[in-house]
């Protein structure tokens, strides 16, 4: 994805771990997300497959929206 900031600089979203990208998380889902983390830690089980299943459940719970910051001017 590519779009242009009001300052004229281009913002590219073509890879992970970008300096100008964040995730906005809804307050409505905040407690459920932390409950899922607690459950994954407490009830994941001793086997590697159990831990992997718990991690995948955490990823399923994440419903954040992408938020971009222009690295040139700082606009969101």
PDB file of N, CA and C in Angstrom:
ATOM      1  N   UNK A   1       0.845  -1.150   0.000  1.00  0.00           N
ATOM      2  CA  UNK A   1       0.000   0.000   0.000  1.00  0.00           C
ATOM      3  C   UNK A   1       0.905   1.231   0.000  1.00  0.00           C
ATOM      4  N   UNK A   2       0.483   2.239  -0.698  1.00  0.00           N
ATOM      5  CA  UNK A   2       1.205   3.504  -0.756  1.00  0.00           C
ATOM      6  C   UNK A   2       0.192   4.643  -0.711  1.00  0.00           C
ATOM      7  N   UNK A   3       0.463   5.640   0.085  1.00  0.00           N
ATOM      8  CA  UNK A   3      -0.335   6.849   0.052  1.00  0.00           C
ATOM      9  C   UNK A   3       0.553   8.026   0.394  1.00  0.00           C
ATOM     10  N   UNK A   4       0.047   9.201   0.143  1.00  0.00           N
ATOM     11  CA  UNK A   4       0.849  10.398   0.290  1.00  0.00           C
ATOM     12  C   UNK A   4       0.344  11.250   1.445  1.00  0.00           C
ATOM     13  N   UNK A   5       1.272  11.727   2.258  1.00  0.00           N
ATOM     14  CA  UNK A   5       0.961  12.619   3.367  1.00  0.00           C
ATOM     15  C   UNK A   5       0.680  14.013   2.817  1.00  0.00           C
ATOM     16  N   UNK A   6       0.015  14.842   3.607  1.00  0.00           N
ATOM     17  CA  UNK A   6      -0.251  16.231   3.212  1.00  0.00           C
ATOM     18  C   UNK A   6       1.031  17.021   2.963  1.00  0.00           C
ATOM     19  N   UNK A   7       2.134  16.616   3.600  1.00  0.00           N
ATOM     20  CA  UNK A   7       3.396  17.329   3.412  1.00  0.00           C
ATOM     21  C   UNK A   7       4.064  16.960   2.089  1.00  0.00           C
ATOM     22  N   UNK A   8       3.543  15.931   1.417  1.00  0.00           N
ATOM     23  CA  UNK A   8       4.093  15.508   0.138  1.00  0.00           C
ATOM     24  C   UNK A   8       4.942  14.251   0.200  1.00  0.00           C
ATOM     25  N   UNK A   9       5.330  13.846   1.394  1.00  0.00           N
ATOM     26  CA  UNK A   9       6.135  12.629   1.520  1.00  0.00           C
ATOM     27  C   UNK A   9       5.255  11.401   1.324  1.00  0.00           C
ATOM     28  N   UNK A  10       5.809  10.353   0.767  1.00  0.00           N
ATOM     29  CA  UNK A  10       5.073   9.114   0.554  1.00  0.00           C
ATOM     30  C   UNK A  10       5.201   8.173   1.731  1.00  0.00           C
ATOM     31  N   UNK A  11       4.133   7.469   2.034  1.00  0.00           N
ATOM     32  CA  UNK A  11       4.116   6.467   3.103  1.00  0.00           C
ATOM     33  C   UNK A  11       3.861   5.118   2.461  1.00  0.00           C
ATOM     34  N   UNK A  12       4.802   4.207   2.639  1.00  0.00           N
ATOM     35  CA  UNK A  12       4.719   2.860   2.071  1.00  0.00           C
ATOM     36  C   UNK A  12       4.429   1.864   3.190  1.00  0.00           C
ATOM     37  N   UNK A  13       3.538   0.950   2.941  1.00  0.00           N
ATOM     38  CA  UNK A  13       3.272  -0.140   3.884  1.00  0.00           C
ATOM     39  C   UNK A  13       3.449  -1.440   3.121  1.00  0.00           C
ATOM     40  N   UNK A  14       4.694  -1.824   2.944  1.00  0.00           N
ATOM     41  CA  UNK A  14       4.978  -3.024   2.165  1.00  0.00           C
ATOM     42  C   UNK A  14       5.724  -4.081   2.969  1.00  0.00           C
ATOM     43  N   UNK A  15       5.964  -3.804   4.253  1.00  0.00           N
ATOM     44  CA  UNK A  15       6.681  -4.755   5.085  1.00  0.00           C
ATOM     45  C   UNK A  15       6.251  -4.589   6.540  1.00  0.00           C
ATOM     46  N   UNK A  16       6.642  -5.515   7.382  1.00  0.00           N
ATOM     47  CA  UNK A  16       6.355  -5.431   8.817  1.00  0.00           C
ATOM     48  C   UNK A  16       7.415  -4.583   9.512  1.00  0.00           C
ATOM     49  N   UNK A  17       7.158  -4.264  10.743  1.00  0.00           N
ATOM     50  CA  UNK A  17       8.063  -3.532  11.633  1.00  0.00           C
ATOM     51  C   UNK A  17       8.511  -2.190  11.066  1.00  0.00           C
ATOM     52  N   UNK A  18       7.587  -1.446  10.520  1.00  0.00           N
ATOM     53  CA  UNK A  18       7.905  -0.102  10.009  1.00  0.00           C
ATOM     54  C   UNK A  18       7.939   0.878  11.177  1.00  0.00           C
ATOM     55  N   UNK A  19       8.863   1.833  11.104  1.00  0.00           N
ATOM     56  CA  UNK A  19       9.004   2.827  12.173  1.00  0.00           C
ATOM     57  C   UNK A  19       7.764   3.719  12.281  1.00  0.00           C
ATOM     58  N   UNK A  20       7.086   4.010  11.194  1.00  0.00           N
ATOM     59  CA  UNK A  20       5.948   4.918  11.209  1.00  0.00           C
ATOM     60  C   UNK A  20       4.599   4.239  11.238  1.00  0.00           C
ATOM     61  N   UNK A  21       4.552   2.968  11.642  1.00  0.00           N
ATOM     62  CA  UNK A  21       3.279   2.248  11.672  1.00  0.00           C
ATOM     63  C   UNK A  21       3.004   1.759  13.090  1.00  0.00           C
ATOM     64  N   UNK A  22       1.768   1.907  13.509  1.00  0.00           N
ATOM     65  CA  UNK A  22       1.348   1.427  14.822  1.00  0.00           C
ATOM     66  C   UNK A  22      -0.013   0.763  14.667  1.00  0.00           C
ATOM     67  N   UNK A  23      -0.537   0.239  15.764  1.00  0.00           N
ATOM     68  CA  UNK A  23      -1.855  -0.386  15.746  1.00  0.00           C
ATOM     69  C   UNK A  23      -2.714   0.252  16.816  1.00  0.00           C
ATOM     70  N   UNK A  24      -3.891   0.658  16.421  1.00  0.00           N
ATOM     71  CA  UNK A  24      -4.860   1.264  17.318  1.00  0.00           C
ATOM     72  C   UNK A  24      -5.816   0.158  17.770  1.00  0.00           C
ATOM     73  N   UNK A  25      -5.987   0.031  19.068  1.00  0.00           N
ATOM     74  CA  UNK A  25      -6.787  -1.051  19.626  1.00  0.00           C
ATOM     75  C   UNK A  25      -8.001  -0.463  20.325  1.00  0.00           C
ATOM     76  N   UNK A  26      -9.179  -0.946  19.995  1.00  0.00           N
ATOM     77  CA  UNK A  26     -10.428  -0.462  20.567  1.00  0.00           C
ATOM     78  C   UNK A  26     -10.505  -0.746  22.068  1.00  0.00           C
ATOM     79  N   UNK A  27     -10.986   0.226  22.835  1.00  0.00           N
ATOM     80  CA  UNK A  27     -11.194   0.022  24.269  1.00  0.00           C
ATOM     81  C   UNK A  27     -12.159  -1.126  24.540  1.00  0.00           C
ATOM     82  N   UNK A  28     -13.141  -1.287  23.663  1.00  0.00           N
ATOM     83  CA  UNK A  28     -14.130  -2.357  23.842  1.00  0.00           C
ATOM     84  C   UNK A  28     -13.476  -3.728  23.875  1.00  0.00           C
ATOM     85  N   UNK A  29     -12.389  -3.894  23.129  1.00  0.00           N
ATOM     86  CA  UNK A  29     -11.758  -5.211  23.022  1.00  0.00           C
ATOM     87  C   UNK A  29     -10.506  -5.341  23.882  1.00  0.00           C
ATOM     88  N   UNK A  30     -10.132  -4.280  24.580  1.00  0.00           N
ATOM     89  CA  UNK A  30      -8.908  -4.255  25.367  1.00  0.00           C
ATOM     90  C   UNK A  30      -8.917  -5.315  26.471  1.00  0.00           C
ATOM     91  N   UNK A  31      -9.982  -5.368  27.281  1.00  0.00           N
ATOM     92  CA  UNK A  31     -10.028  -6.340  28.375  1.00  0.00           C
ATOM     93  C   UNK A  31     -10.072  -7.774  27.860  1.00  0.00           C
ATOM     94  N   UNK A  32     -10.813  -8.016  26.802  1.00  0.00           N
ATOM     95  CA  UNK A  32     -10.871  -9.371  26.240  1.00  0.00           C
ATOM     96  C   UNK A  32      -9.501  -9.810  25.739  1.00  0.00           C
ATOM     97  N   UNK A  33      -8.751  -8.884  25.172  1.00  0.00           N
ATOM     98  CA  UNK A  33      -7.408  -9.214  24.694  1.00  0.00           C
ATOM     99  C   UNK A  33      -6.509  -9.634  25.854  1.00  0.00           C
ATOM    100  N   UNK A  34      -6.533  -8.866  26.959  1.00  0.00           N
ATOM    101  CA  UNK A  34      -5.699  -9.217  28.110  1.00  0.00           C
ATOM    102  C   UNK A  34      -6.196 -10.488  28.789  1.00  0.00           C
ATOM    103  N   UNK A  35      -7.488 -10.746  28.783  1.00  0.00           N
ATOM    104  CA  UNK A  35      -8.008 -12.016  29.303  1.00  0.00           C
ATOM    105  C   UNK A  35      -7.467 -13.183  28.484  1.00  0.00           C
ATOM    106  N   UNK A  36      -7.382 -13.006  27.178  1.00  0.00           N
ATOM    107  CA  UNK A  36      -6.842 -14.058  26.311  1.00  0.00           C
ATOM    108  C   UNK A  36      -5.357 -14.288  26.591  1.00  0.00           C
ATOM    109  N   UNK A  37      -4.623 -13.231  26.881  1.00  0.00           N
ATOM    110  CA  UNK A  37      -3.214 -13.385  27.241  1.00  0.00           C
ATOM    111  C   UNK A  37      -3.087 -14.158  28.546  1.00  0.00           C
ATOM    112  N   UNK A  38      -3.889 -13.790  29.547  1.00  0.00           N
ATOM    113  CA  UNK A  38      -3.875 -14.515  30.823  1.00  0.00           C
ATOM    114  C   UNK A  38      -4.181 -15.995  30.618  1.00  0.00           C
ATOM    115  N   UNK A  39      -5.203 -16.283  29.820  1.00  0.00           N
ATOM    116  CA  UNK A  39      -5.584 -17.679  29.568  1.00  0.00           C
ATOM    117  C   UNK A  39      -4.468 -18.427  28.855  1.00  0.00           C
ATOM    118  N   UNK A  40      -3.818 -17.780  27.914  1.00  0.00           N
ATOM    119  CA  UNK A  40      -2.733 -18.436  27.184  1.00  0.00           C
ATOM    120  C   UNK A  40      -1.586 -18.778  28.127  1.00  0.00           C
ATOM    121  N   UNK A  41      -1.283 -17.893  29.056  1.00  0.00           N
ATOM    122  CA  UNK A  41      -0.188 -18.134  29.997  1.00  0.00           C
ATOM    123  C   UNK A  41      -0.572 -19.226  30.996  1.00  0.00           C
ATOM    124  N   UNK A  42      -1.772 -19.139  31.531  1.00  0.00           N
ATOM    125  CA  UNK A  42      -2.173 -20.040  32.613  1.00  0.00           C
ATOM    126  C   UNK A  42      -2.616 -21.420  32.136  1.00  0.00           C
ATOM    127  N   UNK A  43      -3.199 -21.508  30.952  1.00  0.00           N
ATOM    128  CA  UNK A  43      -3.827 -22.765  30.537  1.00  0.00           C
ATOM    129  C   UNK A  43      -3.293 -23.329  29.228  1.00  0.00           C
ATOM    130  N   UNK A  44      -2.117 -22.920  28.834  1.00  0.00           N
ATOM    131  CA  UNK A  44      -1.649 -23.380  27.525  1.00  0.00           C
ATOM    132  C   UNK A  44      -1.251 -24.850  27.515  1.00  0.00           C
ATOM    133  N   UNK A  45      -0.872 -25.401  28.631  1.00  0.00           N
ATOM    134  CA  UNK A  45      -0.518 -26.812  28.682  1.00  0.00           C
ATOM    135  C   UNK A  45       0.973 -27.028  28.484  1.00  0.00           C
ATOM    136  N   UNK A  46       1.429 -28.236  28.800  1.00  0.00           N
ATOM    137  CA  UNK A  46       2.871 -28.510  28.776  1.00  0.00           C
ATOM    138  C   UNK A  46       3.445 -28.794  27.380  1.00  0.00           C
ATOM    139  N   UNK A  47       2.589 -29.181  26.447  1.00  0.00           N
ATOM    140  CA  UNK A  47       3.091 -29.581  25.130  1.00  0.00           C
ATOM    141  C   UNK A  47       3.301 -28.370  24.232  1.00  0.00           C
ATOM    142  N   UNK A  48       4.238 -28.487  23.310  1.00  0.00           N
ATOM    143  CA  UNK A  48       4.519 -27.425  22.360  1.00  0.00           C
ATOM    144  C   UNK A  48       3.267 -27.098  21.529  1.00  0.00           C
ATOM    145  N   UNK A  49       2.509 -28.117  21.149  1.00  0.00           N
ATOM    146  CA  UNK A  49       1.291 -27.898  20.359  1.00  0.00           C
ATOM    147  C   UNK A  49       0.266 -27.085  21.148  1.00  0.00           C
ATOM    148  N   UNK A  50       0.188 -27.298  22.461  1.00  0.00           N
ATOM    149  CA  UNK A  50      -0.723 -26.515  23.309  1.00  0.00           C
ATOM    150  C   UNK A  50      -0.318 -25.049  23.342  1.00  0.00           C
ATOM    151  N   UNK A  51       0.966 -24.808  23.468  1.00  0.00           N
ATOM    152  CA  UNK A  51       1.464 -23.437  23.510  1.00  0.00           C
ATOM    153  C   UNK A  51       1.260 -22.733  22.167  1.00  0.00           C
ATOM    154  N   UNK A  52       1.460 -23.466  21.086  1.00  0.00           N
ATOM    155  CA  UNK A  52       1.250 -22.897  19.758  1.00  0.00           C
ATOM    156  C   UNK A  52      -0.220 -22.550  19.543  1.00  0.00           C
ATOM    157  N   UNK A  53      -1.114 -23.399  19.996  1.00  0.00           N
ATOM    158  CA  UNK A  53      -2.552 -23.151  19.876  1.00  0.00           C
ATOM    159  C   UNK A  53      -2.933 -21.891  20.674  1.00  0.00           C
ATOM    160  N   UNK A  54      -2.360 -21.731  21.864  1.00  0.00           N
ATOM    161  CA  UNK A  54      -2.634 -20.546  22.682  1.00  0.00           C
ATOM    162  C   UNK A  54      -2.124 -19.281  21.994  1.00  0.00           C
ATOM    163  N   UNK A  55      -0.956 -19.352  21.390  1.00  0.00           N
ATOM    164  CA  UNK A  55      -0.417 -18.190  20.664  1.00  0.00           C
ATOM    165  C   UNK A  55      -1.297 -17.824  19.473  1.00  0.00           C
ATOM    166  N   UNK A  56      -1.786 -18.808  18.767  1.00  0.00           N
ATOM    167  CA  UNK A  56      -2.642 -18.538  17.612  1.00  0.00           C
ATOM    168  C   UNK A  56      -3.971 -17.924  18.054  1.00  0.00           C
ATOM    169  N   UNK A  57      -4.464 -18.315  19.219  1.00  0.00           N
ATOM    170  CA  UNK A  57      -5.690 -17.712  19.746  1.00  0.00           C
ATOM    171  C   UNK A  57      -5.458 -16.235  20.058  1.00  0.00           C
ATOM    172  N   UNK A  58      -4.299 -15.904  20.587  1.00  0.00           N
ATOM    173  CA  UNK A  58      -3.978 -14.496  20.845  1.00  0.00           C
ATOM    174  C   UNK A  58      -3.962 -13.700  19.550  1.00  0.00           C
ATOM    175  N   UNK A  59      -3.373 -14.254  18.512  1.00  0.00           N
ATOM    176  CA  UNK A  59      -3.338 -13.567  17.220  1.00  0.00           C
ATOM    177  C   UNK A  59      -4.756 -13.365  16.665  1.00  0.00           C
ATOM    178  N   UNK A  60      -5.637 -14.334  16.908  1.00  0.00           N
ATOM    179  CA  UNK A  60      -7.016 -14.225  16.447  1.00  0.00           C
ATOM    180  C   UNK A  60      -7.751 -13.100  17.182  1.00  0.00           C
ATOM    181  N   UNK A  61      -7.395 -12.878  18.447  1.00  0.00           N
ATOM    182  CA  UNK A  61      -8.038 -11.849  19.260  1.00  0.00           C
ATOM    183  C   UNK A  61      -7.647 -10.434  18.825  1.00  0.00           C
ATOM    184  N   UNK A  62      -6.517 -10.290  18.170  1.00  0.00           N
ATOM    185  CA  UNK A  62      -6.019  -8.958  17.822  1.00  0.00           C
ATOM    186  C   UNK A  62      -6.835  -8.377  16.678  1.00  0.00           C
ATOM    187  N   UNK A  63      -7.509  -7.289  16.936  1.00  0.00           N
ATOM    188  CA  UNK A  63      -8.311  -6.612  15.913  1.00  0.00           C
ATOM    189  C   UNK A  63      -7.956  -5.137  15.879  1.00  0.00           C
ATOM    190  N   UNK A  64      -6.675  -4.843  15.864  1.00  0.00           N
ATOM    191  CA  UNK A  64      -6.238  -3.454  15.826  1.00  0.00           C
ATOM    192  C   UNK A  64      -6.309  -2.894  14.412  1.00  0.00           C
ATOM    193  N   UNK A  65      -6.408  -1.593  14.317  1.00  0.00           N
ATOM    194  CA  UNK A  65      -6.393  -0.922  13.023  1.00  0.00           C
ATOM    195  C   UNK A  65      -5.022  -0.311  12.825  1.00  0.00           C
ATOM    196  N   UNK A  66      -4.589  -0.298  11.591  1.00  0.00           N
ATOM    197  CA  UNK A  66      -3.288   0.286  11.291  1.00  0.00           C
ATOM    198  C   UNK A  66      -3.354   1.802  11.421  1.00  0.00           C
ATOM    199  N   UNK A  67      -2.313   2.361  11.964  1.00  0.00           N
ATOM    200  CA  UNK A  67      -2.178   3.797  12.136  1.00  0.00           C
ATOM    201  C   UNK A  67      -0.799   4.172  11.610  1.00  0.00           C
ATOM    202  N   UNK A  68      -0.730   5.206  10.786  1.00  0.00           N
ATOM    203  CA  UNK A  68       0.527   5.580  10.153  1.00  0.00           C
ATOM    204  C   UNK A  68       0.951   6.969  10.585  1.00  0.00           C
ATOM    205  N   UNK A  69       2.235   7.155  10.759  1.00  0.00           N
ATOM    206  CA  UNK A  69       2.824   8.435  11.104  1.00  0.00           C
ATOM    207  C   UNK A  69       3.823   8.788  10.004  1.00  0.00           C
ATOM    208  N   UNK A  70       3.713   9.989   9.478  1.00  0.00           N
ATOM    209  CA  UNK A  70       4.672  10.446   8.469  1.00  0.00           C
ATOM    210  C   UNK A  70       6.007  10.671   9.148  1.00  0.00           C
ATOM    211  N   UNK A  71       7.047  10.056   8.642  1.00  0.00           N
ATOM    212  CA  UNK A  71       8.362  10.197   9.256  1.00  0.00           C
ATOM    213  C   UNK A  71       9.011  11.535   8.946  1.00  0.00           C
ATOM    214  N   UNK A  72       8.450  12.271   8.002  1.00  0.00           N
ATOM    215  CA  UNK A  72       8.976  13.583   7.651  1.00  0.00           C
ATOM    216  C   UNK A  72       8.394  14.687   8.527  1.00  0.00           C
ATOM    217  N   UNK A  73       7.067  14.721   8.641  1.00  0.00           N
ATOM    218  CA  UNK A  73       6.432  15.818   9.384  1.00  0.00           C
ATOM    219  C   UNK A  73       5.769  15.384  10.692  1.00  0.00           C
ATOM    220  N   UNK A  74       5.551  14.090  10.906  1.00  0.00           N
ATOM    221  CA  UNK A  74       4.973  13.596  12.146  1.00  0.00           C
ATOM    222  C   UNK A  74       3.458  13.518  12.171  1.00  0.00           C
ATOM    223  N   UNK A  75       2.787  13.863  11.065  1.00  0.00           N
ATOM    224  CA  UNK A  75       1.316  13.772  11.036  1.00  0.00           C
ATOM    225  C   UNK A  75       0.884  12.309  11.132  1.00  0.00           C
ATOM    226  N   UNK A  76      -0.275  12.107  11.756  1.00  0.00           N
ATOM    227  CA  UNK A  76      -0.873  10.775  11.804  1.00  0.00           C
ATOM    228  C   UNK A  76      -1.836  10.631  10.663  1.00  0.00           C
TER     229      UNK A  76
END
